[in-house]
C-alpha atoms as a PDB file:
ATOM      1  CA  MET A   1      75.131  13.077  30.486  1.00  0.00           C
ATOM      2  CA  SER A   2      76.188  12.487  26.966  1.00  0.00           C
ATOM      3  CA  GLN A   3      72.906  10.811  26.091  1.00  0.00           C
ATOM      4  CA  ASN A   4      70.929  12.779  23.498  1.00  0.00           C
ATOM      5  CA  LEU A   5      67.186  13.188  24.177  1.00  0.00           C
ATOM      6  CA  ALA A   6      65.003  13.355  21.154  1.00  0.00           C
ATOM      7  CA  VAL A   7      62.474  16.122  21.323  1.00  0.00           C
ATOM      8  CA  LYS A   8      59.056  15.100  19.975  1.00  0.00           C
ATOM      9  CA  THR A   9      56.377  17.331  18.617  1.00  0.00           C
ATOM     10  CA  PRO A  10      52.820  17.139  19.987  1.00  0.00           C
ATOM     11  CA  GLY A  11      51.695  15.377  16.843  1.00  0.00           C
ATOM     12  CA  GLU A  12      54.355  12.696  17.267  1.00  0.00           C
ATOM     13  CA  ILE A  13      53.393  12.225  20.927  1.00  0.00           C
ATOM     14  CA  ALA A  14      49.724  11.746  19.940  1.00  0.00           C
ATOM     15  CA  ASP A  15      50.554   9.279  17.197  1.00  0.00           C
ATOM     16  CA  GLY A  16      53.020   7.368  19.367  1.00  0.00           C
ATOM     17  CA  PRO A  17      56.278   5.788  18.264  1.00  0.00           C
ATOM     18  CA  SER A  18      54.546   2.792  16.812  1.00  0.00           C
ATOM     19  CA  ALA A  19      52.001   4.655  14.740  1.00  0.00           C
ATOM     20  CA  ASP A  20      51.282   2.831  11.523  1.00  0.00           C
ATOM     21  CA  SER A  21      51.655   4.985   8.474  1.00  0.00           C
ATOM     22  CA  SER A  22      48.924   2.978   6.789  1.00  0.00           C
ATOM     23  CA  ALA A  23      46.259   3.831   9.427  1.00  0.00           C
ATOM     24  CA  PRO A  24      43.186   5.485   7.990  1.00  0.00           C
ATOM     25  CA  GLY A  25      43.002   9.227   8.153  1.00  0.00           C
ATOM     26  CA  PRO A  26      40.032  11.568   8.525  1.00  0.00           C
ATOM     27  CA  ALA A  27      39.181  11.305   4.838  1.00  0.00           C
ATOM     28  CA  ASP A  28      38.932   7.525   5.057  1.00  0.00           C
ATOM     29  CA  ALA A  29      36.733   7.783   8.139  1.00  0.00           C
ATOM     30  CA  ASP A  30      34.368  10.145   6.306  1.00  0.00           C
ATOM     31  CA  ALA A  31      34.218   7.758   3.373  1.00  0.00           C
ATOM     32  CA  ARG A  32      33.371   4.830   5.637  1.00  0.00           C
ATOM     33  CA  ALA A  33      30.651   6.878   7.363  1.00  0.00           C
ATOM     34  CA  GLU A  34      29.089   7.817   4.020  1.00  0.00           C
ATOM     35  CA  ALA A  35      29.173   4.199   2.891  1.00  0.00           C
ATOM     36  CA  THR A  36      27.536   3.033   6.102  1.00  0.00           C
ATOM     37  CA  THR A  37      24.817   5.680   5.770  1.00  0.00           C
ATOM     38  CA  ALA A  38      24.138   4.664   2.187  1.00  0.00           C
ATOM     39  CA  THR A  39      23.927   0.988   3.170  1.00  0.00           C
ATOM     40  CA  MET A  40      21.474   1.731   5.981  1.00  0.00           C
ATOM     41  CA  ALA A  41      19.370   3.895   3.673  1.00  0.00           C
ATOM     42  CA  ALA A  42      19.285   1.094   1.111  1.00  0.00           C
ATOM     43  CA  ARG A  43      18.194  -1.425   3.729  1.00  0.00           C
ATOM     44  CA  ARG A  44      15.573   0.887   5.260  1.00  0.00           C
ATOM     45  CA  PRO A  45      12.068   0.073   3.985  1.00  0.00           C
ATOM     46  CA  ARG A  46      10.572   2.704   1.776  1.00  0.00           C
ATOM     47  CA  ARG A  47       7.434   4.314   3.127  1.00  0.00           C
ATOM     48  CA  GLY A  48       6.288   6.189   0.070  1.00  0.00           C
ATOM     49  CA  GLY A  49       4.791   5.005  -3.166  1.00  0.00           C
ATOM     50  CA  ALA A  50       1.582   3.335  -4.202  1.00  0.00           C
ATOM     51  CA  GLY A  51       2.023   0.467  -1.757  1.00  0.00           C
ATOM     52  CA  ALA A  52       2.116   2.762   1.246  1.00  0.00           C
ATOM     53  CA  LEU A  53      -0.937   4.653  -0.034  1.00  0.00           C
ATOM     54  CA  ALA A  54      -2.841   1.405  -0.517  1.00  0.00           C
ATOM     55  CA  ARG A  55      -1.929   0.246   2.982  1.00  0.00           C
ATOM     56  CA  SER A  56      -3.033   3.579   4.440  1.00  0.00           C
ATOM     57  CA  LEU A  57      -6.378   3.459   2.619  1.00  0.00           C
ATOM     58  CA  TRP A  58      -6.906  -0.143   3.649  1.00  0.00           C
ATOM     59  CA  SER A  59      -6.123   0.599   7.300  1.00  0.00           C
ATOM     60  CA  ARG A  60      -8.665   3.439   7.277  1.00  0.00           C
ATOM     61  CA  ALA A  61     -11.291   1.375   5.460  1.00  0.00           C
ATOM     62  CA  MET A  62     -11.010  -1.646   7.746  1.00  0.00           C
ATOM     63  CA  PRO A  63     -12.949  -0.129  10.689  1.00  0.00           C
ATOM     64  CA  ILE A  64     -15.744   0.974   8.336  1.00  0.00           C
ATOM     65  CA  ILE A  65     -15.935  -2.472   6.727  1.00  0.00           C
ATOM     66  CA  ALA A  66     -15.931  -4.154  10.136  1.00  0.00           C
ATOM     67  CA  ALA A  67     -18.713  -1.835  11.314  1.00  0.00           C
ATOM     68  CA  LEU A  68     -20.819  -2.616   8.228  1.00  0.00           C
ATOM     69  CA  ILE A  69     -20.350  -6.345   8.726  1.00  0.00           C
ATOM     70  CA  GLY A  70     -21.363  -5.980  12.367  1.00  0.00           C
ATOM     71  CA  ILE A  71     -24.493  -3.993  11.458  1.00  0.00           C
ATOM     72  CA  ILE A  72     -25.537  -6.572   8.860  1.00  0.00           C
ATOM     73  CA  ALA A  73     -24.942  -9.435  11.320  1.00  0.00           C
ATOM     74  CA  ILE A  74     -27.037  -7.727  14.010  1.00  0.00           C
ATOM     75  CA  TRP A  75     -29.729  -6.967  11.426  1.00  0.00           C
ATOM     76  CA  TYR A  76     -29.985 -10.634  10.418  1.00  0.00           C
ATOM     77  CA  ALA A  77     -29.934 -11.756  14.050  1.00  0.00           C
ATOM     78  CA  VAL A  78     -32.804  -9.462  15.005  1.00  0.00           C
ATOM     79  CA  SER A  79     -34.839 -10.402  11.915  1.00  0.00           C
ATOM     80  CA  TYR A  80     -34.524 -14.170  12.301  1.00  0.00           C
ATOM     81  CA  LEU A  81     -33.885 -14.716  16.007  1.00  0.00           C
ATOM     82  CA  LEU A  82     -35.886 -12.044  17.830  1.00  0.00           C
ATOM     83  CA  LEU A  83     -38.832 -11.541  15.486  1.00  0.00           C
ATOM     84  CA  SER A  84     -41.356 -14.187  14.635  1.00  0.00           C
ATOM     85  CA  GLU A  85     -42.253 -14.824  11.020  1.00  0.00           C
ATOM     86  CA  SER A  86     -45.528 -12.948  11.393  1.00  0.00           C
ATOM     87  CA  ARG A  87     -43.711  -9.838  12.696  1.00  0.00           C
ATOM     88  CA  ARG A  88     -40.662 -10.022  10.442  1.00  0.00           C
ATOM     89  CA  PHE A  89     -42.134  -7.357   8.182  1.00  0.00           C
ATOM     90  CA  LEU A  90     -41.152  -4.819  10.875  1.00  0.00           C
ATOM     91  CA  LEU A  91     -37.473  -5.492  10.141  1.00  0.00           C
ATOM     92  CA  PRO A  92     -37.074  -7.355   6.857  1.00  0.00           C
ATOM     93  CA  PRO A  93     -33.623  -8.898   6.339  1.00  0.00           C
ATOM     94  CA  PRO A  94     -31.108  -7.017   4.157  1.00  0.00           C
ATOM     95  CA  HIS A  95     -31.362  -9.305   1.129  1.00  0.00           C
ATOM     96  CA  GLN A  96     -35.137  -8.892   1.081  1.00  0.00           C
ATOM     97  CA  VAL A  97     -34.836  -5.088   1.251  1.00  0.00           C
ATOM     98  CA  LEU A  98     -32.404  -5.018  -1.662  1.00  0.00           C
ATOM     99  CA  ALA A  99     -34.319  -7.557  -3.746  1.00  0.00           C
ATOM    100  CA  GLU A 100     -37.630  -5.716  -3.502  1.00  0.00           C
ATOM    101  CA  THR A 101     -36.315  -2.185  -4.002  1.00  0.00           C
ATOM    102  CA  LEU A 102     -33.214  -2.035  -6.207  1.00  0.00           C
ATOM    103  CA  GLY A 103     -34.964  -3.546  -9.189  1.00  0.00           C
ATOM    104  CA  ASN A 104     -38.111  -1.464  -8.776  1.00  0.00           C
ATOM    105  CA  ASP A 105     -38.002   1.695 -10.862  1.00  0.00           C
ATOM    106  CA  LYS A 106     -40.973   3.131  -8.973  1.00  0.00           C
ATOM    107  CA  VAL A 107     -38.838   3.091  -5.814  1.00  0.00           C
ATOM    108  CA  ILE A 108     -35.331   3.835  -7.100  1.00  0.00           C
ATOM    109  CA  GLY A 109     -36.285   6.698  -9.413  1.00  0.00           C
ATOM    110  CA  PRO A 110     -38.018   8.884  -6.805  1.00  0.00           C
ATOM    111  CA  MET A 111     -35.412   7.979  -4.210  1.00  0.00           C
ATOM    112  CA  ILE A 112     -32.475   9.097  -6.381  1.00  0.00           C
ATOM    113  CA  ALA A 113     -34.282  12.351  -7.202  1.00  0.00           C
ATOM    114  CA  ALA A 114     -35.052  12.936  -3.519  1.00  0.00           C
ATOM    115  CA  LEU A 115     -31.452  12.214  -2.561  1.00  0.00           C
ATOM    116  CA  GLY A 116     -30.266  14.760  -5.120  1.00  0.00           C
ATOM    117  CA  GLN A 117     -32.615  17.347  -3.602  1.00  0.00           C
ATOM    118  CA  THR A 118     -31.253  16.626  -0.121  1.00  0.00           C
ATOM    119  CA  ILE A 119     -27.651  16.850  -1.339  1.00  0.00           C
ATOM    120  CA  THR A 120     -28.388  20.248  -2.896  1.00  0.00           C
ATOM    121  CA  VAL A 121     -29.902  21.587   0.325  1.00  0.00           C
ATOM    122  CA  ALA A 122     -27.058  20.196   2.450  1.00  0.00           C
ATOM    123  CA  LEU A 123     -24.282  21.653   0.289  1.00  0.00           C
ATOM    124  CA  ILE A 124     -25.897  25.082  -0.019  1.00  0.00           C
ATOM    125  CA  GLY A 125     -26.657  25.162   3.699  1.00  0.00           C
ATOM    126  CA  LEU A 126     -23.111  24.075   4.553  1.00  0.00           C
ATOM    127  CA  ALA A 127     -21.583  26.764   2.329  1.00  0.00           C
ATOM    128  CA  ILE A 128     -23.737  29.464   3.929  1.00  0.00           C
ATOM    129  CA  ALA A 129     -22.990  28.143   7.424  1.00  0.00           C
ATOM    130  CA  VAL A 130     -19.235  28.235   6.730  1.00  0.00           C
ATOM    131  CA  VAL A 131     -19.345  31.841   5.500  1.00  0.00           C
ATOM    132  CA  ILE A 132     -21.576  33.035   8.349  1.00  0.00           C
ATOM    133  CA  GLY A 133     -19.690  31.081  10.991  1.00  0.00           C
ATOM    134  CA  MET A 134     -16.230  32.260   9.969  1.00  0.00           C
ATOM    135  CA  GLY A 135     -17.373  35.857   9.540  1.00  0.00           C
ATOM    136  CA  TRP A 136     -19.102  35.764  12.913  1.00  0.00           C
ATOM    137  CA  ALA A 137     -15.972  34.392  14.602  1.00  0.00           C
ATOM    138  CA  ILE A 138     -13.652  36.902  12.918  1.00  0.00           C
ATOM    139  CA  VAL A 139     -15.781  39.823  14.095  1.00  0.00           C
ATOM    140  CA  MET A 140     -15.815  38.477  17.659  1.00  0.00           C
ATOM    141  CA  SER A 141     -12.050  37.914  17.623  1.00  0.00           C
ATOM    142  CA  GLN A 142     -11.370  41.552  16.718  1.00  0.00           C
ATOM    143  CA  TRP A 143     -13.543  43.293  19.294  1.00  0.00           C
ATOM    144  CA  ASN A 144     -14.232  42.093  22.835  1.00  0.00           C
ATOM    145  CA  LEU A 145     -17.510  43.974  22.912  1.00  0.00           C
ATOM    146  CA  ALA A 146     -18.651  42.146  19.766  1.00  0.00           C
ATOM    147  CA  GLU A 147     -17.817  38.809  21.378  1.00  0.00           C
ATOM    148  CA  LYS A 148     -19.854  39.685  24.470  1.00  0.00           C
ATOM    149  CA  ILE A 149     -22.819  40.708  22.332  1.00  0.00           C
ATOM    150  CA  LEU A 150     -22.747  38.104  19.544  1.00  0.00           C
ATOM    151  CA  TYR A 151     -21.624  34.914  21.265  1.00  0.00           C
ATOM    152  CA  PRO A 152     -24.832  34.531  23.350  1.00  0.00           C
ATOM    153  CA  TYR A 153     -26.852  34.541  20.127  1.00  0.00           C
ATOM    154  CA  ALA A 154     -24.723  31.689  18.793  1.00  0.00           C
ATOM    155  CA  VAL A 155     -25.342  29.736  21.989  1.00  0.00           C
ATOM    156  CA  ILE A 156     -29.081  30.402  21.704  1.00  0.00           C
ATOM    157  CA  LEU A 157     -29.111  29.044  18.140  1.00  0.00           C
ATOM    158  CA  GLN A 158     -27.399  25.910  19.413  1.00  0.00           C
ATOM    159  CA  THR A 159     -29.616  25.332  22.434  1.00  0.00           C
ATOM    160  CA  ILE A 160     -33.093  26.061  21.039  1.00  0.00           C
ATOM    161  CA  PRO A 161     -34.604  22.775  19.771  1.00  0.00           C
ATOM    162  CA  ILE A 162     -34.794  22.908  16.008  1.00  0.00           C
ATOM    163  CA  LEU A 163     -38.166  21.144  16.118  1.00  0.00           C
ATOM    164  CA  ALA A 164     -39.558  24.203  17.902  1.00  0.00           C
ATOM    165  CA  LEU A 165     -38.215  26.580  15.246  1.00  0.00           C
ATOM    166  CA  THR A 166     -39.117  24.526  12.180  1.00  0.00           C
ATOM    167  CA  PRO A 167     -42.887  25.288  12.219  1.00  0.00           C
ATOM    168  CA  LEU A 168     -42.172  29.003  12.628  1.00  0.00           C
ATOM    169  CA  ILE A 169     -39.705  28.946   9.729  1.00  0.00           C
ATOM    170  CA  GLY A 170     -42.339  27.241   7.596  1.00  0.00           C
ATOM    171  CA  ILE A 171     -44.956  29.865   8.498  1.00  0.00           C
ATOM    172  CA  TRP A 172     -42.600  32.770   7.824  1.00  0.00           C
ATOM    173  CA  MET A 173     -40.813  31.500   4.700  1.00  0.00           C
ATOM    174  CA  GLY A 174     -43.088  28.910   3.226  1.00  0.00           C
ATOM    175  CA  TYR A 175     -42.264  25.233   2.860  1.00  0.00           C
ATOM    176  CA  GLY A 176     -39.963  25.213  -0.120  1.00  0.00           C
ATOM    177  CA  LEU A 177     -36.211  25.164  -0.691  1.00  0.00           C
ATOM    178  CA  PRO A 178     -35.327  28.434   1.159  1.00  0.00           C
ATOM    179  CA  ALA A 179     -36.931  27.245   4.397  1.00  0.00           C
ATOM    180  CA  ARG A 180     -35.049  23.942   4.234  1.00  0.00           C
ATOM    181  CA  ILE A 181     -31.758  25.756   3.692  1.00  0.00           C
ATOM    182  CA  VAL A 182     -32.446  28.001   6.706  1.00  0.00           C
ATOM    183  CA  VAL A 183     -33.043  24.954   8.905  1.00  0.00           C
ATOM    184  CA  CYS A 184     -29.814  23.423   7.611  1.00  0.00           C
ATOM    185  CA  VAL A 185     -27.839  26.608   8.344  1.00  0.00           C
ATOM    186  CA  ILE A 186     -29.219  26.936  11.882  1.00  0.00           C
ATOM    187  CA  ILE A 187     -28.163  23.389  12.715  1.00  0.00           C
ATOM    188  CA  ALA A 188     -24.717  23.564  11.078  1.00  0.00           C
ATOM    189  CA  VAL A 189     -23.472  27.066  11.914  1.00  0.00           C
ATOM    190  CA  PHE A 190     -22.507  26.766  15.586  1.00  0.00           C
ATOM    191  CA  PRO A 191     -19.497  24.394  15.170  1.00  0.00           C
ATOM    192  CA  MET A 192     -18.020  26.802  12.631  1.00  0.00           C
ATOM    193  CA  ILE A 193     -18.434  29.744  15.004  1.00  0.00           C
ATOM    194  CA  SER A 194     -17.011  28.069  18.087  1.00  0.00           C
ATOM    195  CA  ASN A 195     -14.106  26.239  16.428  1.00  0.00           C
ATOM    196  CA  THR A 196     -13.065  29.200  14.284  1.00  0.00           C
ATOM    197  CA  LEU A 197     -13.149  31.549  17.277  1.00  0.00           C
ATOM    198  CA  PHE A 198     -11.070  29.100  19.318  1.00  0.00           C
ATOM    199  CA  GLY A 199      -8.531  28.825  16.512  1.00  0.00           C
ATOM    200  CA  LEU A 200      -8.273  32.584  16.020  1.00  0.00           C
ATOM    201  CA  GLN A 201      -7.588  33.026  19.721  1.00  0.00           C
ATOM    202  CA  SER A 202      -5.013  30.212  19.849  1.00  0.00           C
ATOM    203  CA  ALA A 203      -2.024  32.251  18.621  1.00  0.00           C
ATOM    204  CA  THR A 204       0.546  32.614  21.399  1.00  0.00           C
ATOM    205  CA  PRO A 205       1.118  35.931  23.207  1.00  0.00           C
ATOM    206  CA  ALA A 206       4.757  35.860  22.070  1.00  0.00           C
ATOM    207  CA  ALA A 207       3.647  35.790  18.436  1.00  0.00           C
ATOM    208  CA  HIS A 208       1.292  38.706  19.055  1.00  0.00           C
ATOM    209  CA  ASP A 209       4.112  40.625  20.758  1.00  0.00           C
ATOM    210  CA  LEU A 210       6.324  40.066  17.724  1.00  0.00           C
ATOM    211  CA  PHE A 211       3.656  41.468  15.408  1.00  0.00           C
ATOM    212  CA  THR A 212       3.221  44.416  17.767  1.00  0.00           C
ATOM    213  CA  LEU A 213       6.953  45.147  17.648  1.00  0.00           C
ATOM    214  CA  GLN A 214       6.798  45.052  13.860  1.00  0.00           C
ATOM    215  CA  LYS A 215       3.870  47.524  13.962  1.00  0.00           C
ATOM    216  CA  ALA A 216       1.611  45.161  12.037  1.00  0.00           C
ATOM    217  CA  THR A 217      -1.872  46.320  11.126  1.00  0.00           C
ATOM    218  CA  LYS A 218      -5.005  44.441  12.182  1.00  0.00           C
ATOM    219  CA  TRP A 219      -5.348  43.032   8.691  1.00  0.00           C
ATOM    220  CA  GLN A 220      -1.753  41.755   8.680  1.00  0.00           C
ATOM    221  CA  ARG A 221      -2.190  40.259  12.144  1.00  0.00           C
ATOM    222  CA  MET A 222      -5.374  38.529  11.031  1.00  0.00           C
ATOM    223  CA  THR A 223      -4.144  37.175   7.683  1.00  0.00           C
ATOM    224  CA  LYS A 224      -0.574  36.269   8.660  1.00  0.00           C
ATOM    225  CA  LEU A 225      -0.954  35.135  12.268  1.00  0.00           C
ATOM    226  CA  MET A 226      -4.483  34.416  13.464  1.00  0.00           C
ATOM    227  CA  LEU A 227      -5.983  32.742  10.387  1.00  0.00           C
ATOM    228  CA  PRO A 228      -2.990  30.408   9.790  1.00  0.00           C
ATOM    229  CA  ALA A 229      -3.078  29.427  13.474  1.00  0.00           C
ATOM    230  CA  ALA A 230      -6.813  28.744  13.184  1.00  0.00           C
ATOM    231  CA  ILE A 231      -6.637  26.385  10.186  1.00  0.00           C
ATOM    232  CA  PRO A 232      -6.744  23.109  12.218  1.00  0.00           C
ATOM    233  CA  SER A 233      -9.707  24.350  14.251  1.00  0.00           C
ATOM    234  CA  ILE A 234     -11.479  25.608  11.134  1.00  0.00           C
ATOM    235  CA  PHE A 235     -11.245  22.182   9.545  1.00  0.00           C
ATOM    236  CA  THR A 236     -12.491  20.575  12.747  1.00  0.00           C
ATOM    237  CA  GLY A 237     -15.536  22.837  12.649  1.00  0.00           C
ATOM    238  CA  LEU A 238     -15.983  22.156   8.934  1.00  0.00           C
ATOM    239  CA  ARG A 239     -15.996  18.420   9.540  1.00  0.00           C
ATOM    240  CA  GLN A 240     -18.590  18.737  12.297  1.00  0.00           C
ATOM    241  CA  SER A 241     -20.751  21.171  10.337  1.00  0.00           C
ATOM    242  CA  ALA A 242     -20.731  18.871   7.306  1.00  0.00           C
ATOM    243  CA  GLY A 243     -22.348  16.088   9.302  1.00  0.00           C
ATOM    244  CA  LEU A 244     -24.858  18.463  10.869  1.00  0.00           C
ATOM    245  CA  ALA A 245     -25.726  19.931   7.463  1.00  0.00           C
ATOM    246  CA  VAL A 246     -26.851  16.494   6.314  1.00  0.00           C
ATOM    247  CA  ILE A 247     -29.051  16.188   9.405  1.00  0.00           C
ATOM    248  CA  GLY A 248     -30.454  19.674   8.841  1.00  0.00           C
ATOM    249  CA  ALA A 249     -31.318  18.921   5.225  1.00  0.00           C
ATOM    250  CA  ILE A 250     -33.135  15.734   6.223  1.00  0.00           C
ATOM    251  CA  VAL A 251     -35.021  17.500   9.022  1.00  0.00           C
ATOM    252  CA  GLY A 252     -36.141  20.216   6.613  1.00  0.00           C
ATOM    253  CA  ASP A 253     -37.269  17.629   4.076  1.00  0.00           C
ATOM    254  CA  PHE A 254     -39.137  15.727   6.780  1.00  0.00           C
ATOM    255  CA  PHE A 255     -41.237  18.714   7.850  1.00  0.00           C
ATOM    256  CA  PHE A 256     -41.550  20.684   4.599  1.00  0.00           C
ATOM    257  CA  GLN A 257     -43.423  18.600   2.057  1.00  0.00           C
ATOM    258  CA  GLN A 258     -44.128  21.243  -0.581  1.00  0.00           C
ATOM    259  CA  GLY A 259     -42.015  21.514  -3.694  1.00  0.00           C
ATOM    260  CA  SER A 260     -39.460  18.890  -4.661  1.00  0.00           C
ATOM    261  CA  GLN A 261     -39.462  16.052  -2.166  1.00  0.00           C
ATOM    262  CA  GLY A 262     -36.211  15.225  -0.398  1.00  0.00           C
ATOM    263  CA  ILE A 263     -35.096  12.007   1.231  1.00  0.00           C
ATOM    264  CA  GLY A 264     -36.545  13.155   4.559  1.00  0.00           C
ATOM    265  CA  GLY A 265     -39.951  13.517   2.921  1.00  0.00           C
ATOM    266  CA  LEU A 266     -39.706   9.965   1.583  1.00  0.00           C
ATOM    267  CA  LEU A 267     -38.825   8.734   5.060  1.00  0.00           C
ATOM    268  CA  ARG A 268     -41.988  10.318   6.387  1.00  0.00           C
ATOM    269  CA  THR A 269     -44.128   8.938   3.552  1.00  0.00           C
ATOM    270  CA  TYR A 270     -42.803   5.394   3.871  1.00  0.00           C
ATOM    271  CA  THR A 271     -43.230   5.510   7.649  1.00  0.00           C
ATOM    272  CA  LEU A 272     -46.873   6.555   7.419  1.00  0.00           C
ATOM    273  CA  ARG A 273     -47.597   3.854   4.823  1.00  0.00           C
ATOM    274  CA  LEU A 274     -45.520   1.160   6.578  1.00  0.00           C
ATOM    275  CA  ASN A 275     -43.572   0.498   3.384  1.00  0.00           C
ATOM    276  CA  MET A 276     -40.732  -1.138   5.275  1.00  0.00           C
ATOM    277  CA  GLU A 277     -38.430  -2.189   2.425  1.00  0.00           C
ATOM    278  CA  PRO A 278     -38.321   1.279   0.776  1.00  0.00           C
ATOM    279  CA  LEU A 279     -38.066   2.837   4.231  1.00  0.00           C
ATOM    280  CA  PHE A 280     -34.948   0.849   5.093  1.00  0.00           C
ATOM    281  CA  LEU A 281     -33.427   1.529   1.672  1.00  0.00           C
ATOM    282  CA  ALA A 282     -33.959   5.265   2.243  1.00  0.00           C
ATOM    283  CA  ILE A 283     -32.303   4.936   5.651  1.00  0.00           C
ATOM    284  CA  ILE A 284     -29.343   3.142   4.039  1.00  0.00           C
ATOM    285  CA  PHE A 285     -28.972   5.868   1.406  1.00  0.00           C
ATOM    286  CA  THR A 286     -29.182   8.557   4.082  1.00  0.00           C
ATOM    287  CA  ALA A 287     -26.517   6.879   6.201  1.00  0.00           C
ATOM    288  CA  LEU A 288     -24.212   6.410   3.214  1.00  0.00           C
ATOM    289  CA  PHE A 289     -24.634  10.058   2.242  1.00  0.00           C
ATOM    290  CA  GLY A 290     -23.705  11.191   5.740  1.00  0.00           C
ATOM    291  CA  VAL A 291     -20.668   8.906   5.868  1.00  0.00           C
ATOM    292  CA  ILE A 292     -19.450  10.066   2.446  1.00  0.00           C
ATOM    293  CA  VAL A 293     -19.787  13.762   3.321  1.00  0.00           C
ATOM    294  CA  PHE A 294     -18.005  13.288   6.641  1.00  0.00           C
ATOM    295  CA  SER A 295     -15.226  11.221   5.010  1.00  0.00           C
ATOM    296  CA  ILE A 296     -14.632  13.832   2.295  1.00  0.00           C
ATOM    297  CA  PHE A 297     -14.092  16.632   4.778  1.00  0.00           C
ATOM    298  CA  ALA A 298     -12.079  14.414   7.122  1.00  0.00           C
ATOM    299  CA  THR A 299      -9.767  13.589   4.199  1.00  0.00           C
ATOM    300  CA  LEU A 300      -9.431  17.282   3.334  1.00  0.00           C
ATOM    301  CA  ASP A 301      -8.600  17.896   6.992  1.00  0.00           C
ATOM    302  CA  ARG A 302      -5.786  15.347   6.942  1.00  0.00           C
ATOM    303  CA  ILE A 303      -4.372  16.560   3.620  1.00  0.00           C
ATOM    304  CA  VAL A 304      -4.431  20.309   4.258  1.00  0.00           C
ATOM    305  CA  VAL A 305      -3.479  20.333   7.924  1.00  0.00           C
ATOM    306  CA  GLY A 306      -0.923  17.578   7.425  1.00  0.00           C
ATOM    307  CA  ARG A 307       0.841  19.458   4.645  1.00  0.00           C
ATOM    308  CA  LEU A 308       0.769  22.830   6.345  1.00  0.00           C
ATOM    309  CA  PHE A 309       1.714  21.706   9.845  1.00  0.00           C
ATOM    310  CA  GLY A 310       3.441  18.388   9.203  1.00  0.00           C
ATOM    311  CA  VAL A 311       1.205  16.465  11.583  1.00  0.00           C
ATOM    312  CA  ALA A 312      -1.313  13.701  11.149  1.00  0.00           C
ATOM    313  CA  THR A 313      -4.864  14.656  12.073  1.00  0.00           C
ATOM    314  CA  ARG A 314      -7.879  12.569  12.890  1.00  0.00           C
END
């Protein structure tokens, strides 16, 4: 038993007798990992920049462009395939509408002025509807009794046909700008009430319990919990109310002919006189106005909600 046994440390057992002294250590492994990460990051396509913005805008514009092309194709098909030449005046083709109206100052001048009047009514009505709708929803979110009393009135405003109220509004308020704004507000206010109320009530019970433990006041609970949670719903209501405000402004112009004439008044005049080319140009302007207003608020929705919540919206 004269043989001497070498006692090895745990480190020597792990490395083994044939461990190469030139094997990479932890520092070398970290360096290789950092180099690999840098290489992958360099090879990864960049998503930011002007190119990505242009691609995003193009992808959003493509459906609109395709829809416009489809509408124009259907328009031409109906004009030339379904209508005889003697009845083609009922739906003149697009090039004829543009040729006979865009160069005519007697048509374009009044139409631009009427469109400006309609834009004014729609924006004022939308602003009032937003203030009333949010205030209405905030009051209902704070007191259950207020919700039980006030919410049925909001439903009534939504369900009563506006065509039944419009003559009464004209009798009570006259047929000028204030009456048109009232019609616009009545049509546009309900989405703001319902969506804002839904958003204010969407905060989780756990979040409310946390604010209760911190002894937060009603104002702190509203401004720091309920309103931030309601931002996506508020913008949804704003987007819907913007489209309805345009409709409300046109309806008011259509029925109230006194004072400055809006685009709705021109629609009525051209319809009664069977001036088909100006009528279709007014319809085109009205549609473009509605699309632009809706697109502006949809873009604001994506920007604000996307930045605050880190999600992509509609």
